[in-house]
Amino acid sequence: MNQVVAAHPNQVLHVVLDNLSTHKPQRNRWLARHPRVHFHFTPTRAAWLNLCECWFSILSRQEVPAVRFTSPRSVRAALDRFVAAYDPTAAPFEWTKREVHPLGLKKYYSQLCK
């Protein structure tokens, strides 16, 4: 984040993060020293947002890999171009939740190796 802030002096930065506990320190002295940076967190238990992340990944690789926008209108124009080109061949993303603990949780650490 220090590199991002240094690369964008005098700009307000909005950063979207998931709810991983390491993204939310108890006393955030770094944010206090960087008032131009604002963190926004995705909702807890919103795994379906990973599909949105897939779409934005495709967008960033195909349409805007190294583009600097000068206005909201130019962002909208780039998004519209991408959607017009992407939609004819787009296929739905399939979201499935895999079973994380098929054998159940272990009560004690010593049971993990059994």
PDB file of N, CA and C in Angstrom:
ATOM      1  N   MET A   1       0.817  -1.187   0.000  1.00  0.00           N
ATOM      2  CA  MET A   1       0.000   0.000   0.000  1.00  0.00           C
ATOM      3  C   MET A   1       0.864   1.256   0.000  1.00  0.00           C
ATOM      4  N   ASN A   2       2.024   1.174   0.628  1.00  0.00           N
ATOM      5  CA  ASN A   2       2.903   2.340   0.623  1.00  0.00           C
ATOM      6  C   ASN A   2       3.313   2.712  -0.802  1.00  0.00           C
ATOM      7  N   GLN A   3       3.566   1.706  -1.635  1.00  0.00           N
ATOM      8  CA  GLN A   3       3.938   1.960  -3.029  1.00  0.00           C
ATOM      9  C   GLN A   3       2.770   2.558  -3.811  1.00  0.00           C
ATOM     10  N   VAL A   4       1.568   2.077  -3.552  1.00  0.00           N
ATOM     11  CA  VAL A   4       0.385   2.608  -4.237  1.00  0.00           C
ATOM     12  C   VAL A   4       0.178   4.063  -3.863  1.00  0.00           C
ATOM     13  N   VAL A   5       0.274   4.372  -2.579  1.00  0.00           N
ATOM     14  CA  VAL A   5       0.097   5.751  -2.122  1.00  0.00           C
ATOM     15  C   VAL A   5       1.174   6.651  -2.725  1.00  0.00           C
ATOM     16  N   ALA A   6       2.405   6.176  -2.757  1.00  0.00           N
ATOM     17  CA  ALA A   6       3.495   6.977  -3.324  1.00  0.00           C
ATOM     18  C   ALA A   6       3.311   7.197  -4.822  1.00  0.00           C
ATOM     19  N   ALA A   7       2.734   6.226  -5.506  1.00  0.00           N
ATOM     20  CA  ALA A   7       2.538   6.339  -6.956  1.00  0.00           C
ATOM     21  C   ALA A   7       1.386   7.276  -7.320  1.00  0.00           C
ATOM     22  N   HIS A   8       0.541   7.589  -6.355  1.00  0.00           N
ATOM     23  CA  HIS A   8      -0.625   8.446  -6.615  1.00  0.00           C
ATOM     24  C   HIS A   8      -0.695   9.598  -5.614  1.00  0.00           C
ATOM     25  N   PRO A   9       0.295  10.478  -5.643  1.00  0.00           N
ATOM     26  CA  PRO A   9       0.298  11.583  -4.686  1.00  0.00           C
ATOM     27  C   PRO A   9      -0.881  12.529  -4.938  1.00  0.00           C
ATOM     28  N   ASN A  10      -1.402  13.064  -3.886  1.00  0.00           N
ATOM     29  CA  ASN A  10      -2.491  14.048  -3.938  1.00  0.00           C
ATOM     30  C   ASN A  10      -3.783  13.485  -4.527  1.00  0.00           C
ATOM     31  N   GLN A  11      -3.951  12.176  -4.508  1.00  0.00           N
ATOM     32  CA  GLN A  11      -5.191  11.565  -4.982  1.00  0.00           C
ATOM     33  C   GLN A  11      -5.858  10.823  -3.830  1.00  0.00           C
ATOM     34  N   VAL A  12      -7.169  10.871  -3.807  1.00  0.00           N
ATOM     35  CA  VAL A  12      -7.921  10.073  -2.847  1.00  0.00           C
ATOM     36  C   VAL A  12      -8.010   8.654  -3.402  1.00  0.00           C
ATOM     37  N   LEU A  13      -7.682   7.679  -2.585  1.00  0.00           N
ATOM     38  CA  LEU A  13      -7.666   6.288  -3.019  1.00  0.00           C
ATOM     39  C   LEU A  13      -8.718   5.485  -2.254  1.00  0.00           C
ATOM     40  N   HIS A  14      -9.505   4.708  -2.991  1.00  0.00           N
ATOM     41  CA  HIS A  14     -10.501   3.818  -2.407  1.00  0.00           C
ATOM     42  C   HIS A  14     -10.053   2.396  -2.690  1.00  0.00           C
ATOM     43  N   VAL A  15      -9.900   1.608  -1.632  1.00  0.00           N
ATOM     44  CA  VAL A  15      -9.385   0.243  -1.745  1.00  0.00           C
ATOM     45  C   VAL A  15     -10.465  -0.720  -1.262  1.00  0.00           C
ATOM     46  N   VAL A  16     -10.806  -1.698  -2.099  1.00  0.00           N
ATOM     47  CA  VAL A  16     -11.805  -2.699  -1.739  1.00  0.00           C
ATOM     48  C   VAL A  16     -11.080  -3.948  -1.256  1.00  0.00           C
ATOM     49  N   LEU A  17     -11.437  -4.404  -0.062  1.00  0.00           N
ATOM     50  CA  LEU A  17     -10.802  -5.565   0.558  1.00  0.00           C
ATOM     51  C   LEU A  17     -11.853  -6.573   0.994  1.00  0.00           C
ATOM     52  N   ASP A  18     -11.441  -7.826   1.084  1.00  0.00           N
ATOM     53  CA  ASP A  18     -12.358  -8.801   1.666  1.00  0.00           C
ATOM     54  C   ASP A  18     -12.269  -8.674   3.191  1.00  0.00           C
ATOM     55  N   ASN A  19     -13.009  -9.495   3.891  1.00  0.00           N
ATOM     56  CA  ASN A  19     -13.076  -9.382   5.345  1.00  0.00           C
ATOM     57  C   ASN A  19     -12.047 -10.224   6.075  1.00  0.00           C
ATOM     58  N   LEU A  20     -10.947 -10.548   5.426  1.00  0.00           N
ATOM     59  CA  LEU A  20      -9.881 -11.288   6.078  1.00  0.00           C
ATOM     60  C   LEU A  20      -9.428 -10.514   7.309  1.00  0.00           C
ATOM     61  N   SER A  21      -9.267 -11.184   8.419  1.00  0.00           N
ATOM     62  CA  SER A  21      -8.966 -10.484   9.671  1.00  0.00           C
ATOM     63  C   SER A  21      -7.685  -9.663   9.596  1.00  0.00           C
ATOM     64  N   THR A  22      -6.715 -10.067   8.788  1.00  0.00           N
ATOM     65  CA  THR A  22      -5.478  -9.286   8.697  1.00  0.00           C
ATOM     66  C   THR A  22      -5.687  -7.942   8.008  1.00  0.00           C
ATOM     67  N   HIS A  23      -6.804  -7.788   7.299  1.00  0.00           N
ATOM     68  CA  HIS A  23      -7.099  -6.509   6.669  1.00  0.00           C
ATOM     69  C   HIS A  23      -7.725  -5.522   7.642  1.00  0.00           C
ATOM     70  N   LYS A  24      -8.072  -5.990   8.831  1.00  0.00           N
ATOM     71  CA  LYS A  24      -8.769  -5.156   9.801  1.00  0.00           C
ATOM     72  C   LYS A  24      -8.040  -5.129  11.142  1.00  0.00           C
ATOM     73  N   PRO A  25      -6.901  -4.467  11.203  1.00  0.00           N
ATOM     74  CA  PRO A  25      -6.209  -4.416  12.495  1.00  0.00           C
ATOM     75  C   PRO A  25      -7.026  -3.624  13.525  1.00  0.00           C
ATOM     76  N   GLN A  26      -6.802  -3.933  14.781  1.00  0.00           N
ATOM     77  CA  GLN A  26      -7.565  -3.283  15.848  1.00  0.00           C
ATOM     78  C   GLN A  26      -7.345  -1.769  15.873  1.00  0.00           C
ATOM     79  N   ARG A  27      -6.106  -1.364  15.900  1.00  0.00           N
ATOM     80  CA  ARG A  27      -5.784   0.072  15.886  1.00  0.00           C
ATOM     81  C   ARG A  27      -4.999   0.338  14.617  1.00  0.00           C
ATOM     82  N   ASN A  28      -5.627   0.962  13.657  1.00  0.00           N
ATOM     83  CA  ASN A  28      -4.961   1.111  12.375  1.00  0.00           C
ATOM     84  C   ASN A  28      -4.215   2.436  12.292  1.00  0.00           C
ATOM     85  N   ARG A  29      -2.992   2.405  12.752  1.00  0.00           N
ATOM     86  CA  ARG A  29      -2.151   3.613  12.721  1.00  0.00           C
ATOM     87  C   ARG A  29      -1.791   3.995  11.293  1.00  0.00           C
ATOM     88  N   TRP A  30      -1.671   2.989  10.390  1.00  0.00           N
ATOM     89  CA  TRP A  30      -1.320   3.291   8.999  1.00  0.00           C
ATOM     90  C   TRP A  30      -2.401   4.139   8.352  1.00  0.00           C
ATOM     91  N   LEU A  31      -3.659   3.756   8.528  1.00  0.00           N
ATOM     92  CA  LEU A  31      -4.756   4.546   7.956  1.00  0.00           C
ATOM     93  C   LEU A  31      -4.814   5.938   8.557  1.00  0.00           C
ATOM     94  N   ALA A  32      -4.514   6.062   9.817  1.00  0.00           N
ATOM     95  CA  ALA A  32      -4.508   7.377  10.459  1.00  0.00           C
ATOM     96  C   ALA A  32      -3.458   8.293   9.836  1.00  0.00           C
ATOM     97  N   ARG A  33      -2.339   7.713   9.401  1.00  0.00           N
ATOM     98  CA  ARG A  33      -1.276   8.506   8.751  1.00  0.00           C
ATOM     99  C   ARG A  33      -1.558   8.774   7.280  1.00  0.00           C
ATOM    100  N   HIS A  34      -2.562   8.114   6.706  1.00  0.00           N
ATOM    101  CA  HIS A  34      -2.888   8.257   5.287  1.00  0.00           C
ATOM    102  C   HIS A  34      -4.376   8.590   5.133  1.00  0.00           C
ATOM    103  N   PRO A  35      -4.753   9.816   5.425  1.00  0.00           N
ATOM    104  CA  PRO A  35      -6.179  10.183   5.396  1.00  0.00           C
ATOM    105  C   PRO A  35      -6.797  10.159   3.993  1.00  0.00           C
ATOM    106  N   ARG A  36      -5.989  10.093   2.945  1.00  0.00           N
ATOM    107  CA  ARG A  36      -6.536  10.043   1.575  1.00  0.00           C
ATOM    108  C   ARG A  36      -6.928   8.630   1.164  1.00  0.00           C
ATOM    109  N   VAL A  37      -6.585   7.634   1.995  1.00  0.00           N
ATOM    110  CA  VAL A  37      -6.882   6.243   1.683  1.00  0.00           C
ATOM    111  C   VAL A  37      -8.120   5.807   2.471  1.00  0.00           C
ATOM    112  N   HIS A  38      -9.054   5.225   1.751  1.00  0.00           N
ATOM    113  CA  HIS A  38     -10.288   4.752   2.378  1.00  0.00           C
ATOM    114  C   HIS A  38     -10.462   3.280   2.051  1.00  0.00           C
ATOM    115  N   PHE A  39     -10.621   2.456   3.085  1.00  0.00           N
ATOM    116  CA  PHE A  39     -10.844   1.024   2.900  1.00  0.00           C
ATOM    117  C   PHE A  39     -12.337   0.742   2.880  1.00  0.00           C
ATOM    118  N   HIS A  40     -12.750  -0.118   1.951  1.00  0.00           N
ATOM    119  CA  HIS A  40     -14.132  -0.573   1.857  1.00  0.00           C
ATOM    120  C   HIS A  40     -14.091  -2.103   1.884  1.00  0.00           C
ATOM    121  N   PHE A  41     -14.910  -2.708   2.717  1.00  0.00           N
ATOM    122  CA  PHE A  41     -14.865  -4.153   2.909  1.00  0.00           C
ATOM    123  C   PHE A  41     -16.076  -4.831   2.286  1.00  0.00           C
ATOM    124  N   THR A  42     -15.827  -5.966   1.650  1.00  0.00           N
ATOM    125  CA  THR A  42     -16.929  -6.749   1.101  1.00  0.00           C
ATOM    126  C   THR A  42     -17.707  -7.360   2.270  1.00  0.00           C
ATOM    127  N   PRO A  43     -18.959  -7.706   2.046  1.00  0.00           N
ATOM    128  CA  PRO A  43     -19.747  -8.281   3.134  1.00  0.00           C
ATOM    129  C   PRO A  43     -19.196  -9.638   3.594  1.00  0.00           C
ATOM    130  N   THR A  44     -19.364  -9.911   4.861  1.00  0.00           N
ATOM    131  CA  THR A  44     -18.981 -11.206   5.408  1.00  0.00           C
ATOM    132  C   THR A  44     -19.881 -12.281   4.801  1.00  0.00           C
ATOM    133  N   ARG A  45     -19.319 -13.427   4.568  1.00  0.00           N
ATOM    134  CA  ARG A  45     -20.037 -14.582   3.999  1.00  0.00           C
ATOM    135  C   ARG A  45     -20.636 -14.272   2.623  1.00  0.00           C
ATOM    136  N   ALA A  46     -19.866 -13.619   1.801  1.00  0.00           N
ATOM    137  CA  ALA A  46     -20.339 -13.267   0.458  1.00  0.00           C
ATOM    138  C   ALA A  46     -19.441 -13.900  -0.600  1.00  0.00           C
ATOM    139  N   ALA A  47     -19.313 -15.212  -0.541  1.00  0.00           N
ATOM    140  CA  ALA A  47     -18.434 -15.919  -1.475  1.00  0.00           C
ATOM    141  C   ALA A  47     -18.862 -15.718  -2.925  1.00  0.00           C
ATOM    142  N   TRP A  48     -20.137 -15.434  -3.147  1.00  0.00           N
ATOM    143  CA  TRP A  48     -20.615 -15.218  -4.516  1.00  0.00           C
ATOM    144  C   TRP A  48     -19.935 -14.017  -5.162  1.00  0.00           C
ATOM    145  N   LEU A  49     -19.373 -13.113  -4.341  1.00  0.00           N
ATOM    146  CA  LEU A  49     -18.658 -11.969  -4.910  1.00  0.00           C
ATOM    147  C   LEU A  49     -17.395 -12.400  -5.652  1.00  0.00           C
ATOM    148  N   ASN A  50     -16.912 -13.610  -5.394  1.00  0.00           N
ATOM    149  CA  ASN A  50     -15.749 -14.109  -6.131  1.00  0.00           C
ATOM    150  C   ASN A  50     -16.045 -14.154  -7.626  1.00  0.00           C
ATOM    151  N   LEU A  51     -17.294 -14.383  -7.988  1.00  0.00           N
ATOM    152  CA  LEU A  51     -17.666 -14.392  -9.400  1.00  0.00           C
ATOM    153  C   LEU A  51     -17.523 -13.001 -10.000  1.00  0.00           C
ATOM    154  N   CYS A  52     -17.870 -11.989  -9.234  1.00  0.00           N
ATOM    155  CA  CYS A  52     -17.669 -10.607  -9.701  1.00  0.00           C
ATOM    156  C   CYS A  52     -16.183 -10.338  -9.890  1.00  0.00           C
ATOM    157  N   GLU A  53     -15.386 -10.868  -8.982  1.00  0.00           N
ATOM    158  CA  GLU A  53     -13.939 -10.699  -9.090  1.00  0.00           C
ATOM    159  C   GLU A  53     -13.419 -11.347 -10.376  1.00  0.00           C
ATOM    160  N   CYS A  54     -13.979 -12.491 -10.751  1.00  0.00           N
ATOM    161  CA  CYS A  54     -13.594 -13.142 -12.009  1.00  0.00           C
ATOM    162  C   CYS A  54     -13.882 -12.230 -13.192  1.00  0.00           C
ATOM    163  N   TRP A  55     -15.069 -11.630 -13.206  1.00  0.00           N
ATOM    164  CA  TRP A  55     -15.456 -10.754 -14.305  1.00  0.00           C
ATOM    165  C   TRP A  55     -14.531  -9.547 -14.393  1.00  0.00           C
ATOM    166  N   PHE A  56     -14.219  -8.946 -13.243  1.00  0.00           N
ATOM    167  CA  PHE A  56     -13.321  -7.792 -13.253  1.00  0.00           C
ATOM    168  C   PHE A  56     -11.906  -8.186 -13.644  1.00  0.00           C
ATOM    169  N   SER A  57     -11.508  -9.403 -13.339  1.00  0.00           N
ATOM    170  CA  SER A  57     -10.204  -9.880 -13.776  1.00  0.00           C
ATOM    171  C   SER A  57     -10.151  -9.969 -15.299  1.00  0.00           C
ATOM    172  N   ILE A  58     -11.204 -10.501 -15.895  1.00  0.00           N
ATOM    173  CA  ILE A  58     -11.281 -10.564 -17.357  1.00  0.00           C
ATOM    174  C   ILE A  58     -11.264  -9.158 -17.935  1.00  0.00           C
ATOM    175  N   LEU A  59     -12.029  -8.273 -17.350  1.00  0.00           N
ATOM    176  CA  LEU A  59     -12.067  -6.876 -17.798  1.00  0.00           C
ATOM    177  C   LEU A  59     -10.682  -6.243 -17.746  1.00  0.00           C
ATOM    178  N   SER A  60      -9.999  -6.411 -16.625  1.00  0.00           N
ATOM    179  CA  SER A  60      -8.703  -5.744 -16.473  1.00  0.00           C
ATOM    180  C   SER A  60      -7.648  -6.306 -17.417  1.00  0.00           C
ATOM    181  N   ARG A  61      -7.747  -7.592 -17.763  1.00  0.00           N
ATOM    182  CA  ARG A  61      -6.765  -8.180 -18.678  1.00  0.00           C
ATOM    183  C   ARG A  61      -7.064  -7.863 -20.133  1.00  0.00           C
ATOM    184  N   GLN A  62      -8.343  -7.732 -20.486  1.00  0.00           N
ATOM    185  CA  GLN A  62      -8.693  -7.567 -21.891  1.00  0.00           C
ATOM    186  C   GLN A  62      -8.914  -6.118 -22.316  1.00  0.00           C
ATOM    187  N   GLU A  63      -9.454  -5.312 -21.449  1.00  0.00           N
ATOM    188  CA  GLU A  63      -9.843  -3.963 -21.869  1.00  0.00           C
ATOM    189  C   GLU A  63      -8.965  -2.864 -21.290  1.00  0.00           C
ATOM    190  N   VAL A  64      -8.612  -2.978 -20.036  1.00  0.00           N
ATOM    191  CA  VAL A  64      -7.936  -1.861 -19.379  1.00  0.00           C
ATOM    192  C   VAL A  64      -6.626  -2.269 -18.689  1.00  0.00           C
ATOM    193  N   PRO A  65      -5.736  -2.995 -19.371  1.00  0.00           N
ATOM    194  CA  PRO A  65      -4.532  -3.456 -18.686  1.00  0.00           C
ATOM    195  C   PRO A  65      -3.597  -2.335 -18.219  1.00  0.00           C
ATOM    196  N   ALA A  66      -3.496  -1.266 -18.954  1.00  0.00           N
ATOM    197  CA  ALA A  66      -2.578  -0.191 -18.556  1.00  0.00           C
ATOM    198  C   ALA A  66      -3.156   1.175 -18.923  1.00  0.00           C
ATOM    199  N   VAL A  67      -4.456   1.314 -18.776  1.00  0.00           N
ATOM    200  CA  VAL A  67      -5.125   2.548 -19.178  1.00  0.00           C
ATOM    201  C   VAL A  67      -5.251   3.476 -17.979  1.00  0.00           C
ATOM    202  N   ARG A  68      -5.029   4.759 -18.219  1.00  0.00           N
ATOM    203  CA  ARG A  68      -5.282   5.775 -17.197  1.00  0.00           C
ATOM    204  C   ARG A  68      -6.482   6.576 -17.660  1.00  0.00           C
ATOM    205  N   PHE A  69      -7.492   6.623 -16.839  1.00  0.00           N
ATOM    206  CA  PHE A  69      -8.697   7.345 -17.207  1.00  0.00           C
ATOM    207  C   PHE A  69      -8.632   8.770 -16.703  1.00  0.00           C
ATOM    208  N   THR A  70      -9.176   9.665 -17.497  1.00  0.00           N
ATOM    209  CA  THR A  70      -9.133  11.084 -17.135  1.00  0.00           C
ATOM    210  C   THR A  70     -10.475  11.594 -16.625  1.00  0.00           C
ATOM    211  N   SER A  71     -11.512  10.780 -16.761  1.00  0.00           N
ATOM    212  CA  SER A  71     -12.833  11.214 -16.310  1.00  0.00           C
ATOM    213  C   SER A  71     -13.740   9.999 -16.123  1.00  0.00           C
ATOM    214  N   PRO A  72     -14.788  10.164 -15.350  1.00  0.00           N
ATOM    215  CA  PRO A  72     -15.763   9.070 -15.230  1.00  0.00           C
ATOM    216  C   PRO A  72     -16.364   8.689 -16.586  1.00  0.00           C
ATOM    217  N   ARG A  73     -16.512   9.656 -17.471  1.00  0.00           N
ATOM    218  CA  ARG A  73     -17.060   9.379 -18.803  1.00  0.00           C
ATOM    219  C   ARG A  73     -16.145   8.430 -19.586  1.00  0.00           C
ATOM    220  N   SER A  74     -14.831   8.600 -19.470  1.00  0.00           N
ATOM    221  CA  SER A  74     -13.917   7.715 -20.191  1.00  0.00           C
ATOM    222  C   SER A  74     -13.929   6.305 -19.604  1.00  0.00           C
ATOM    223  N   VAL A  75     -14.139   6.185 -18.296  1.00  0.00           N
ATOM    224  CA  VAL A  75     -14.279   4.862 -17.674  1.00  0.00           C
ATOM    225  C   VAL A  75     -15.529   4.187 -18.219  1.00  0.00           C
ATOM    226  N   ARG A  76     -16.623   4.929 -18.249  1.00  0.00           N
ATOM    227  CA  ARG A  76     -17.889   4.378 -18.744  1.00  0.00           C
ATOM    228  C   ARG A  76     -17.760   3.941 -20.204  1.00  0.00           C
ATOM    229  N   ALA A  77     -17.084   4.734 -21.021  1.00  0.00           N
ATOM    230  CA  ALA A  77     -16.915   4.380 -22.431  1.00  0.00           C
ATOM    231  C   ALA A  77     -16.117   3.078 -22.575  1.00  0.00           C
ATOM    232  N   ALA A  78     -15.066   2.918 -21.768  1.00  0.00           N
ATOM    233  CA  ALA A  78     -14.260   1.692 -21.825  1.00  0.00           C
ATOM    234  C   ALA A  78     -15.088   0.490 -21.374  1.00  0.00           C
ATOM    235  N   LEU A  79     -15.875   0.660 -20.315  1.00  0.00           N
ATOM    236  CA  LEU A  79     -16.738  -0.435 -19.845  1.00  0.00           C
ATOM    237  C   LEU A  79     -17.772  -0.813 -20.906  1.00  0.00           C
ATOM    238  N   ASP A  80     -18.366   0.194 -21.522  1.00  0.00           N
ATOM    239  CA  ASP A  80     -19.363  -0.082 -22.568  1.00  0.00           C
ATOM    240  C   ASP A  80     -18.750  -0.827 -23.746  1.00  0.00           C
ATOM    241  N   ARG A  81     -17.531  -0.444 -24.158  1.00  0.00           N
ATOM    242  CA  ARG A  81     -16.845  -1.150 -25.253  1.00  0.00           C
ATOM    243  C   ARG A  81     -16.583  -2.604 -24.877  1.00  0.00           C
ATOM    244  N   PHE A  82     -16.118  -2.800 -23.650  1.00  0.00           N
ATOM    245  CA  PHE A  82     -15.823  -4.157 -23.202  1.00  0.00           C
ATOM    246  C   PHE A  82     -17.081  -5.018 -23.175  1.00  0.00           C
ATOM    247  N   VAL A  83     -18.143  -4.514 -22.584  1.00  0.00           N
ATOM    248  CA  VAL A  83     -19.385  -5.283 -22.478  1.00  0.00           C
ATOM    249  C   VAL A  83     -19.930  -5.613 -23.860  1.00  0.00           C
ATOM    250  N   ALA A  84     -19.881  -4.661 -24.794  1.00  0.00           N
ATOM    251  CA  ALA A  84     -20.379  -4.910 -26.149  1.00  0.00           C
ATOM    252  C   ALA A  84     -19.574  -6.016 -26.834  1.00  0.00           C
ATOM    253  N   ALA A  85     -18.283  -6.077 -26.588  1.00  0.00           N
ATOM    254  CA  ALA A  85     -17.447  -7.101 -27.210  1.00  0.00           C
ATOM    255  C   ALA A  85     -17.536  -8.432 -26.459  1.00  0.00           C
ATOM    256  N   TYR A  86     -17.722  -8.384 -25.152  1.00  0.00           N
ATOM    257  CA  TYR A  86     -17.700  -9.585 -24.316  1.00  0.00           C
ATOM    258  C   TYR A  86     -19.028 -10.342 -24.336  1.00  0.00           C
ATOM    259  N   ASP A  87     -20.131  -9.639 -24.321  1.00  0.00           N
ATOM    260  CA  ASP A  87     -21.448 -10.266 -24.185  1.00  0.00           C
ATOM    261  C   ASP A  87     -21.780 -11.328 -25.237  1.00  0.00           C
ATOM    262  N   PRO A  88     -21.461 -11.122 -26.512  1.00  0.00           N
ATOM    263  CA  PRO A  88     -21.854 -12.141 -27.501  1.00  0.00           C
ATOM    264  C   PRO A  88     -21.268 -13.531 -27.245  1.00  0.00           C
ATOM    265  N   THR A  89     -20.127 -13.610 -26.605  1.00  0.00           N
ATOM    266  CA  THR A  89     -19.507 -14.916 -26.361  1.00  0.00           C
ATOM    267  C   THR A  89     -19.474 -15.279 -24.875  1.00  0.00           C
ATOM    268  N   ALA A  90     -20.097 -14.464 -24.040  1.00  0.00           N
ATOM    269  CA  ALA A  90     -20.057 -14.700 -22.597  1.00  0.00           C
ATOM    270  C   ALA A  90     -20.846 -15.952 -22.221  1.00  0.00           C
ATOM    271  N   ALA A  91     -20.352 -16.633 -21.207  1.00  0.00           N
ATOM    272  CA  ALA A  91     -21.043 -17.794 -20.649  1.00  0.00           C
ATOM    273  C   ALA A  91     -21.195 -17.562 -19.149  1.00  0.00           C
ATOM    274  N   PRO A  92     -22.263 -18.059 -18.562  1.00  0.00           N
ATOM    275  CA  PRO A  92     -22.446 -17.846 -17.117  1.00  0.00           C
ATOM    276  C   PRO A  92     -21.326 -18.498 -16.314  1.00  0.00           C
ATOM    277  N   PHE A  93     -20.952 -17.851 -15.232  1.00  0.00           N
ATOM    278  CA  PHE A  93     -20.010 -18.454 -14.300  1.00  0.00           C
ATOM    279  C   PHE A  93     -20.801 -19.446 -13.448  1.00  0.00           C
ATOM    280  N   GLU A  94     -20.198 -20.575 -13.156  1.00  0.00           N
ATOM    281  CA  GLU A  94     -20.853 -21.545 -12.279  1.00  0.00           C
ATOM    282  C   GLU A  94     -20.212 -21.467 -10.914  1.00  0.00           C
ATOM    283  N   TRP A  95     -21.024 -21.160  -9.923  1.00  0.00           N
ATOM    284  CA  TRP A  95     -20.529 -21.075  -8.563  1.00  0.00           C
ATOM    285  C   TRP A  95     -20.937 -22.324  -7.818  1.00  0.00           C
ATOM    286  N   THR A  96     -19.952 -23.016  -7.281  1.00  0.00           N
ATOM    287  CA  THR A  96     -20.238 -24.167  -6.443  1.00  0.00           C
ATOM    288  C   THR A  96     -19.422 -24.033  -5.171  1.00  0.00           C
ATOM    289  N   LYS A  97     -20.026 -24.417  -4.107  1.00  0.00           N
ATOM    290  CA  LYS A  97     -19.319 -24.357  -2.831  1.00  0.00           C
ATOM    291  C   LYS A  97     -18.836 -25.766  -2.527  1.00  0.00           C
ATOM    292  N   ARG A  98     -17.534 -25.910  -2.465  1.00  0.00           N
ATOM    293  CA  ARG A  98     -17.002 -27.229  -2.159  1.00  0.00           C
ATOM    294  C   ARG A  98     -17.073 -27.458  -0.658  1.00  0.00           C
ATOM    295  N   GLU A  99     -17.158 -28.692  -0.272  1.00  0.00           N
ATOM    296  CA  GLU A  99     -17.209 -29.019   1.141  1.00  0.00           C
ATOM    297  C   GLU A  99     -15.812 -28.853   1.709  1.00  0.00           C
ATOM    298  N   VAL A 100     -15.669 -27.978   2.666  1.00  0.00           N
ATOM    299  CA  VAL A 100     -14.356 -27.639   3.189  1.00  0.00           C
ATOM    300  C   VAL A 100     -13.846 -28.694   4.159  1.00  0.00           C
ATOM    301  N   HIS A 101     -14.711 -29.210   5.012  1.00  0.00           N
ATOM    302  CA  HIS A 101     -14.308 -30.183   6.029  1.00  0.00           C
ATOM    303  C   HIS A 101     -15.149 -31.455   5.874  1.00  0.00           C
ATOM    304  N   PRO A 102     -14.852 -32.292   4.884  1.00  0.00           N
ATOM    305  CA  PRO A 102     -15.703 -33.460   4.648  1.00  0.00           C
ATOM    306  C   PRO A 102     -15.701 -34.455   5.805  1.00  0.00           C
ATOM    307  N   LEU A 103     -14.644 -34.504   6.590  1.00  0.00           N
ATOM    308  CA  LEU A 103     -14.572 -35.468   7.687  1.00  0.00           C
ATOM    309  C   LEU A 103     -14.944 -34.847   9.030  1.00  0.00           C
ATOM    310  N   GLY A 104     -15.321 -33.619   9.027  1.00  0.00           N
ATOM    311  CA  GLY A 104     -15.670 -32.953  10.278  1.00  0.00           C
ATOM    312  C   GLY A 104     -14.456 -32.335  10.953  1.00  0.00           C
ATOM    313  N   LEU A 105     -14.714 -31.401  11.812  1.00  0.00           N
ATOM    314  CA  LEU A 105     -13.636 -30.723  12.523  1.00  0.00           C
ATOM    315  C   LEU A 105     -13.108 -31.597  13.651  1.00  0.00           C
ATOM    316  N   LYS A 106     -11.856 -31.452  13.944  1.00  0.00           N
ATOM    317  CA  LYS A 106     -11.240 -32.187  15.054  1.00  0.00           C
ATOM    318  C   LYS A 106     -11.285 -31.293  16.286  1.00  0.00           C
ATOM    319  N   LYS A 107     -11.549 -31.915  17.406  1.00  0.00           N
ATOM    320  CA  LYS A 107     -11.658 -31.144  18.644  1.00  0.00           C
ATOM    321  C   LYS A 107     -10.300 -30.775  19.197  1.00  0.00           C
ATOM    322  N   TYR A 108      -9.309 -31.686  19.021  1.00  0.00           N
ATOM    323  CA  TYR A 108      -7.994 -31.458  19.598  1.00  0.00           C
ATOM    324  C   TYR A 108      -6.931 -31.500  18.511  1.00  0.00           C
ATOM    325  N   TYR A 109      -5.853 -30.747  18.717  1.00  0.00           N
ATOM    326  CA  TYR A 109      -4.738 -30.699  17.767  1.00  0.00           C
ATOM    327  C   TYR A 109      -4.155 -32.096  17.535  1.00  0.00           C
ATOM    328  N   SER A 110      -4.064 -32.888  18.573  1.00  0.00           N
ATOM    329  CA  SER A 110      -3.468 -34.224  18.465  1.00  0.00           C
ATOM    330  C   SER A 110      -4.271 -35.141  17.549  1.00  0.00           C
ATOM    331  N   GLN A 111      -5.534 -34.825  17.291  1.00  0.00           N
ATOM    332  CA  GLN A 111      -6.382 -35.655  16.426  1.00  0.00           C
ATOM    333  C   GLN A 111      -6.154 -35.377  14.933  1.00  0.00           C
ATOM    334  N   LEU A 112      -5.463 -34.329  14.594  1.00  0.00           N
ATOM    335  CA  LEU A 112      -5.287 -33.952  13.191  1.00  0.00           C
ATOM    336  C   LEU A 112      -4.530 -34.994  12.392  1.00  0.00           C
ATOM    337  N   CYS A 113      -3.614 -35.718  13.000  1.00  0.00           N
ATOM    338  CA  CYS A 113      -2.787 -36.686  12.289  1.00  0.00           C
ATOM    339  C   CYS A 113      -3.403 -38.079  12.260  1.00  0.00           C
ATOM    340  N   LYS A 114      -4.558 -38.258  12.825  1.00  0.00           N
ATOM    341  CA  LYS A 114      -5.195 -39.588  12.869  1.00  0.00           C
ATOM    342  C   LYS A 114      -6.041 -39.829  11.655  1.00  0.00           C
TER     343      LYS A 114
END
